[in-house]
C-alpha atoms as a PDB file:
ATOM      1  CA  UNK A   1      89.003 -51.665  31.766  1.00  0.00           C
ATOM      2  CA  UNK A   2      91.451 -50.364  29.468  1.00  0.00           C
ATOM      3  CA  UNK A   3      88.772 -49.296  26.956  1.00  0.00           C
ATOM      4  CA  UNK A   4      86.889 -47.516  29.799  1.00  0.00           C
ATOM      5  CA  UNK A   5      89.928 -45.570  30.728  1.00  0.00           C
ATOM      6  CA  UNK A   6      90.651 -44.757  27.068  1.00  0.00           C
ATOM      7  CA  UNK A   7      87.124 -43.508  26.671  1.00  0.00           C
ATOM      8  CA  UNK A   8      87.549 -41.325  29.790  1.00  0.00           C
ATOM      9  CA  UNK A   9      90.757 -39.834  28.668  1.00  0.00           C
ATOM     10  CA  UNK A  10      89.500 -39.167  25.271  1.00  0.00           C
ATOM     11  CA  UNK A  11      86.256 -37.446  26.594  1.00  0.00           C
ATOM     12  CA  UNK A  12      88.510 -35.304  28.952  1.00  0.00           C
ATOM     13  CA  UNK A  13      90.857 -34.261  26.063  1.00  0.00           C
ATOM     14  CA  UNK A  14      87.935 -33.419  23.844  1.00  0.00           C
ATOM     15  CA  UNK A  15      86.169 -31.337  26.593  1.00  0.00           C
ATOM     16  CA  UNK A  16      89.396 -29.498  26.912  1.00  0.00           C
ATOM     17  CA  UNK A  17      89.563 -28.758  23.198  1.00  0.00           C
ATOM     18  CA  UNK A  18      85.975 -27.703  22.966  1.00  0.00           C
ATOM     19  CA  UNK A  19      86.270 -25.308  26.071  1.00  0.00           C
ATOM     20  CA  UNK A  20      89.326 -23.730  24.596  1.00  0.00           C
ATOM     21  CA  UNK A  21      87.650 -23.235  21.233  1.00  0.00           C
ATOM     22  CA  UNK A  22      84.577 -21.655  23.099  1.00  0.00           C
ATOM     23  CA  UNK A  23      86.848 -19.330  24.994  1.00  0.00           C
ATOM     24  CA  UNK A  24      88.709 -18.082  21.786  1.00  0.00           C
ATOM     25  CA  UNK A  25      85.449 -16.967  20.155  1.00  0.00           C
ATOM     26  CA  UNK A  26      84.759 -13.239  20.500  1.00  0.00           C
ATOM     27  CA  UNK A  27      81.575 -12.421  22.152  1.00  0.00           C
ATOM     28  CA  UNK A  28      78.623 -11.638  20.104  1.00  0.00           C
ATOM     29  CA  UNK A  29      77.727  -7.911  19.905  1.00  0.00           C
ATOM     30  CA  UNK A  30      74.350  -7.254  21.038  1.00  0.00           C
ATOM     31  CA  UNK A  31      72.045  -5.923  18.358  1.00  0.00           C
ATOM     32  CA  UNK A  32      71.161  -2.240  18.128  1.00  0.00           C
ATOM     33  CA  UNK A  33      67.570  -1.871  18.851  1.00  0.00           C
ATOM     34  CA  UNK A  34      66.193   1.314  17.327  1.00  0.00           C
ATOM     35  CA  UNK A  35      63.150   2.783  19.012  1.00  0.00           C
ATOM     36  CA  UNK A  36      60.015   3.240  17.033  1.00  0.00           C
ATOM     37  CA  UNK A  37      58.233   6.350  16.641  1.00  0.00           C
ATOM     38  CA  UNK A  38      55.320   6.636  19.042  1.00  0.00           C
ATOM     39  CA  UNK A  39      51.924   6.103  17.676  1.00  0.00           C
ATOM     40  CA  UNK A  40      49.726   9.104  17.733  1.00  0.00           C
ATOM     41  CA  UNK A  41      47.094   8.971  20.580  1.00  0.00           C
ATOM     42  CA  UNK A  42      43.392   9.743  19.369  1.00  0.00           C
ATOM     43  CA  UNK A  43      41.266  10.135  22.295  1.00  0.00           C
ATOM     44  CA  UNK A  44      37.582   9.875  22.557  1.00  0.00           C
ATOM     45  CA  UNK A  45      36.063  12.534  24.776  1.00  0.00           C
ATOM     46  CA  UNK A  46      34.988  11.327  28.295  1.00  0.00           C
ATOM     47  CA  UNK A  47      31.266  11.866  27.773  1.00  0.00           C
ATOM     48  CA  UNK A  48      31.228   9.890  24.456  1.00  0.00           C
ATOM     49  CA  UNK A  49      33.138   6.957  26.310  1.00  0.00           C
ATOM     50  CA  UNK A  50      30.690   6.858  29.178  1.00  0.00           C
ATOM     51  CA  UNK A  51      27.724   6.920  26.679  1.00  0.00           C
ATOM     52  CA  UNK A  52      28.960   4.147  24.536  1.00  0.00           C
ATOM     53  CA  UNK A  53      29.661   1.992  27.755  1.00  0.00           C
ATOM     54  CA  UNK A  54      26.045   2.793  28.936  1.00  0.00           C
ATOM     55  CA  UNK A  55      24.649   1.805  25.533  1.00  0.00           C
ATOM     56  CA  UNK A  56      26.699  -1.515  25.696  1.00  0.00           C
ATOM     57  CA  UNK A  57      25.592  -2.275  29.181  1.00  0.00           C
ATOM     58  CA  UNK A  58      21.737  -1.583  28.390  1.00  0.00           C
ATOM     59  CA  UNK A  59      22.125  -3.808  25.192  1.00  0.00           C
ATOM     60  CA  UNK A  60      23.713  -6.742  27.348  1.00  0.00           C
ATOM     61  CA  UNK A  61      20.666  -6.372  29.840  1.00  0.00           C
ATOM     62  CA  UNK A  62      18.333  -6.679  26.929  1.00  0.00           C
ATOM     63  CA  UNK A  63      20.288  -9.594  25.624  1.00  0.00           C
ATOM     64  CA  UNK A  64      20.185 -11.201  29.086  1.00  0.00           C
ATOM     65  CA  UNK A  65      16.368 -10.848  29.257  1.00  0.00           C
ATOM     66  CA  UNK A  66      15.937 -12.641  25.961  1.00  0.00           C
ATOM     67  CA  UNK A  67      18.307 -15.306  26.632  1.00  0.00           C
ATOM     68  CA  UNK A  68      16.601 -18.678  27.567  1.00  0.00           C
ATOM     69  CA  UNK A  69      18.143 -20.348  30.560  1.00  0.00           C
ATOM     70  CA  UNK A  70      19.518 -23.832  29.318  1.00  0.00           C
ATOM     71  CA  UNK A  71      19.407 -25.211  32.987  1.00  0.00           C
ATOM     72  CA  UNK A  72      16.071 -24.005  34.649  1.00  0.00           C
ATOM     73  CA  UNK A  73      16.409 -26.890  37.327  1.00  0.00           C
ATOM     74  CA  UNK A  74      19.443 -25.330  38.726  1.00  0.00           C
ATOM     75  CA  UNK A  75      17.539 -22.359  40.174  1.00  0.00           C
ATOM     76  CA  UNK A  76      14.962 -24.499  41.826  1.00  0.00           C
ATOM     77  CA  UNK A  77      15.264 -24.350  45.513  1.00  0.00           C
ATOM     78  CA  UNK A  78      13.446 -27.527  46.280  1.00  0.00           C
ATOM     79  CA  UNK A  79      15.678 -29.498  44.098  1.00  0.00           C
ATOM     80  CA  UNK A  80      16.684 -31.936  46.795  1.00  0.00           C
ATOM     81  CA  UNK A  81      13.219 -33.221  47.401  1.00  0.00           C
ATOM     82  CA  UNK A  82      12.523 -33.968  43.543  1.00  0.00           C
ATOM     83  CA  UNK A  83      12.875 -37.672  42.406  1.00  0.00           C
END
């Protein structure tokens, strides 16, 4: 019982010492953040952007037509009656 009380008293004393030591430390100064120079913006004209999007879309359609369906049975409407 005395060991328990001694340990409790010791922890209380150490906690008080640590708390006072932390209170005495000066607060850390925040780091000064220097803003970066903005990057130059290079814009592609709207018509060129639309044309590149259209070309990419047409290429994807061609790729989709060439692709082989790995699971053709998934599209079968009469799948439930098959053995």
